[in-house]
């Protein structure tokens, strides 16, 4: 899904809470920098966790449950990809972001642990770590990001 979105020039948005927010940010940091350097192609990635002013504005003016959904509403176009990262799959703000992505005609990739929670059936596809050990889930989620980066960096430059 990530490669298809990249190849189509679509935006890729990521979100998560706590360690998953750090993972979502790490994905975009690596992908924006390394993919462009390796391929010469623009990677259109945005981590919804990285703008503290915007997060606190949504949190204060609406609710913490809306901090990602509001950004999805503002940024996502039809065919763009949301990568939702959650250890439990039950974070209300991540679930609302998925709902917003659906309304915008976006696609959703879940990166989830535990039993998949409420999130997994809401996603087009999921990377599921079948473990109730949060740190193990977070480690595998981060490894997934590095594997995606390696795959995207080997994508040839389009002529």
Protein backbone atom coordinates (compact mmCIF):
# COMPACT_ATOMS: atom_id res chain seq x y z
CA UNK A 1 0.00 0.00 0.00
CA UNK A 2 2.79 2.42 0.84
CA UNK A 3 4.63 1.75 -2.42
CA UNK A 4 1.41 2.09 -4.44
CA UNK A 5 0.65 5.45 -2.80
CA UNK A 6 4.23 6.61 -3.38
CA UNK A 7 4.21 5.49 -7.01
CA UNK A 8 0.91 7.36 -7.55
CA UNK A 9 2.19 10.59 -5.98
CA UNK A 10 -0.35 10.39 -3.16
CA UNK A 11 0.12 11.87 0.30
CA UNK A 12 0.93 9.49 3.12
CA UNK A 13 -0.21 10.59 6.58
CA UNK A 14 0.76 8.84 9.82
CA UNK A 15 -0.54 9.06 13.38
CA UNK A 16 -0.33 7.35 16.76
CA UNK A 17 -0.04 8.04 20.51
CA UNK A 18 2.93 7.76 22.85
CA UNK A 19 5.48 5.30 21.49
CA UNK A 20 3.30 4.85 18.42
CA UNK A 21 3.46 8.61 17.80
CA UNK A 22 7.24 8.36 17.86
CA UNK A 23 7.07 5.46 15.43
CA UNK A 24 4.69 7.38 13.13
CA UNK A 25 7.10 10.32 13.17
CA UNK A 26 10.11 8.05 12.59
CA UNK A 27 8.42 6.57 9.50
CA UNK A 28 7.96 9.99 7.91
CA UNK A 29 11.41 11.23 8.92
CA UNK A 30 13.11 8.25 7.29
CA UNK A 31 10.84 8.07 4.27
CA UNK A 32 10.87 11.79 3.41
CA UNK A 33 14.65 12.05 3.63
CA UNK A 34 15.97 8.69 2.51
CA UNK A 35 13.52 7.95 -0.30
CA UNK A 36 14.15 11.32 -1.93
CA UNK A 37 17.92 10.94 -1.62
CA UNK A 38 17.86 7.40 -3.00
CA UNK A 39 15.41 7.91 -5.84
CA UNK A 40 15.30 11.63 -6.60
CA UNK A 41 11.53 11.41 -6.24
CA UNK A 42 9.39 13.41 -3.85
CA UNK A 43 7.88 11.51 -0.95
CA UNK A 44 4.75 13.32 0.21
CA UNK A 45 4.65 12.27 3.86
CA UNK A 46 3.19 14.09 6.85
CA UNK A 47 3.14 12.89 10.45
CA UNK A 48 0.04 14.20 12.19
CA UNK A 49 1.85 13.94 15.55
CA UNK A 50 4.58 16.46 14.74
CA UNK A 51 2.80 19.84 14.92
CA UNK A 52 2.41 20.47 18.65
CA UNK A 53 0.64 23.80 18.13
CA UNK A 54 -1.98 22.20 15.92
CA UNK A 55 -2.43 19.20 18.24
CA UNK A 56 -2.97 21.44 21.26
CA UNK A 57 -5.32 23.74 19.31
CA UNK A 58 -7.55 20.81 18.31
CA UNK A 59 -7.25 19.32 21.80
CA UNK A 60 -8.19 22.57 23.52
CA UNK A 61 -10.82 23.85 21.10
CA UNK A 62 -12.50 20.52 20.27
CA UNK A 63 -11.19 17.45 22.10
CA UNK A 64 -8.14 15.22 22.24
CA UNK A 65 -10.16 12.66 20.28
CA UNK A 66 -10.14 15.13 17.34
CA UNK A 67 -6.42 15.96 17.17
CA UNK A 68 -5.79 13.68 14.17
CA UNK A 69 -9.24 13.66 12.54
CA UNK A 70 -9.17 17.44 12.12
CA UNK A 71 -5.82 17.24 10.36
CA UNK A 72 -7.01 14.39 8.13
CA UNK A 73 -10.03 16.51 7.18
CA UNK A 74 -7.70 19.36 6.21
CA UNK A 75 -5.02 17.35 4.38
CA UNK A 76 -6.38 14.14 2.90
CA UNK A 77 -7.52 13.85 -0.68
CA UNK A 78 -9.14 10.89 -2.38
CA UNK A 79 -6.66 8.04 -2.77
CA UNK A 80 -4.22 9.33 -0.14
CA UNK A 81 -3.04 6.87 2.51
CA UNK A 82 -3.37 7.07 6.29
CA UNK A 83 -1.06 4.82 8.28
CA UNK A 84 -2.57 4.47 11.75
CA UNK A 85 -0.18 3.09 14.38
CA UNK A 86 -1.58 1.73 17.65
CA UNK A 87 -0.37 -0.93 20.03
CA UNK A 88 -3.86 -1.74 21.28
CA UNK A 89 -5.91 -0.71 18.27
CA UNK A 90 -8.34 1.13 20.53
CA UNK A 91 -7.10 4.74 20.71
CA UNK A 92 -10.16 6.98 20.19
CA UNK A 93 -8.23 9.69 18.32
CA UNK A 94 -6.71 7.16 15.93
CA UNK A 95 -10.11 5.55 15.32
CA UNK A 96 -11.59 8.98 14.52
CA UNK A 97 -8.72 9.67 12.12
CA UNK A 98 -9.57 6.44 10.29
CA UNK A 99 -13.22 7.49 10.04
CA UNK A 100 -12.14 10.87 8.62
CA UNK A 101 -9.85 9.17 6.09
CA UNK A 102 -12.75 7.02 4.94
CA UNK A 103 -14.99 10.06 4.45
CA UNK A 104 -12.26 11.68 2.33
CA UNK A 105 -11.94 8.61 0.10
CA UNK A 106 -8.58 7.68 1.55
CA UNK A 107 -7.04 4.29 2.14
CA UNK A 108 -6.00 3.05 5.57
CA UNK A 109 -3.12 0.83 6.63
CA UNK A 110 -3.24 -0.20 10.27
CA UNK A 111 -0.05 -1.01 12.15
CA UNK A 112 -1.37 -2.67 15.27
CA UNK A 113 -0.65 -5.08 18.10
CA UNK A 114 -2.56 -6.99 20.77
CA UNK A 115 -5.73 -8.51 19.26
CA UNK A 116 -6.10 -5.72 16.69
CA UNK A 117 -8.70 -3.92 18.77
CA UNK A 118 -11.46 -1.91 17.12
CA UNK A 119 -8.97 -0.57 14.57
CA UNK A 120 -8.03 -3.65 12.58
CA UNK A 121 -11.45 -4.28 10.95
CA UNK A 122 -11.63 -0.58 10.00
CA UNK A 123 -8.46 -0.78 7.88
CA UNK A 124 -7.97 -1.86 4.27
CA UNK A 125 -4.91 -3.83 5.35
CA UNK A 126 -3.05 -4.27 8.62
CA UNK A 127 0.41 -5.10 9.85
CA UNK A 128 -0.57 -7.03 12.96
CA UNK A 129 1.79 -8.08 15.74
CA UNK A 130 -0.09 -10.83 17.58
CA UNK A 131 1.33 -10.04 21.01
CA UNK A 132 0.14 -8.36 24.19
CA UNK A 133 3.70 -7.19 24.93
CA UNK A 134 3.60 -3.48 24.04
CA UNK A 135 7.37 -3.13 23.68
CA UNK A 136 7.54 -6.13 21.34
CA UNK A 137 4.72 -4.61 19.25
CA UNK A 138 6.52 -1.26 19.11
CA UNK A 139 9.80 -2.90 18.07
CA UNK A 140 8.15 -4.80 15.21
CA UNK A 141 6.23 -1.69 14.13
CA UNK A 142 9.50 0.21 13.85
CA UNK A 143 11.13 -2.64 11.92
CA UNK A 144 8.21 -2.50 9.47
CA UNK A 145 9.00 1.17 8.84
CA UNK A 146 12.61 0.36 8.07
CA UNK A 147 11.59 -2.45 5.72
CA UNK A 148 9.27 -0.07 3.86
CA UNK A 149 12.08 2.48 3.59
CA UNK A 150 14.46 -0.11 2.11
CA UNK A 151 11.80 -1.14 -0.41
CA UNK A 152 11.00 2.44 -1.42
CA UNK A 153 14.68 3.36 -1.70
CA UNK A 154 15.14 0.60 -4.27
CA UNK A 155 12.32 2.01 -6.43
CA UNK A 156 13.83 3.22 -9.70
CA UNK A 157 13.54 6.81 -10.81
CA UNK A 158 10.67 7.28 -13.25
CA UNK A 159 11.80 8.77 -16.56
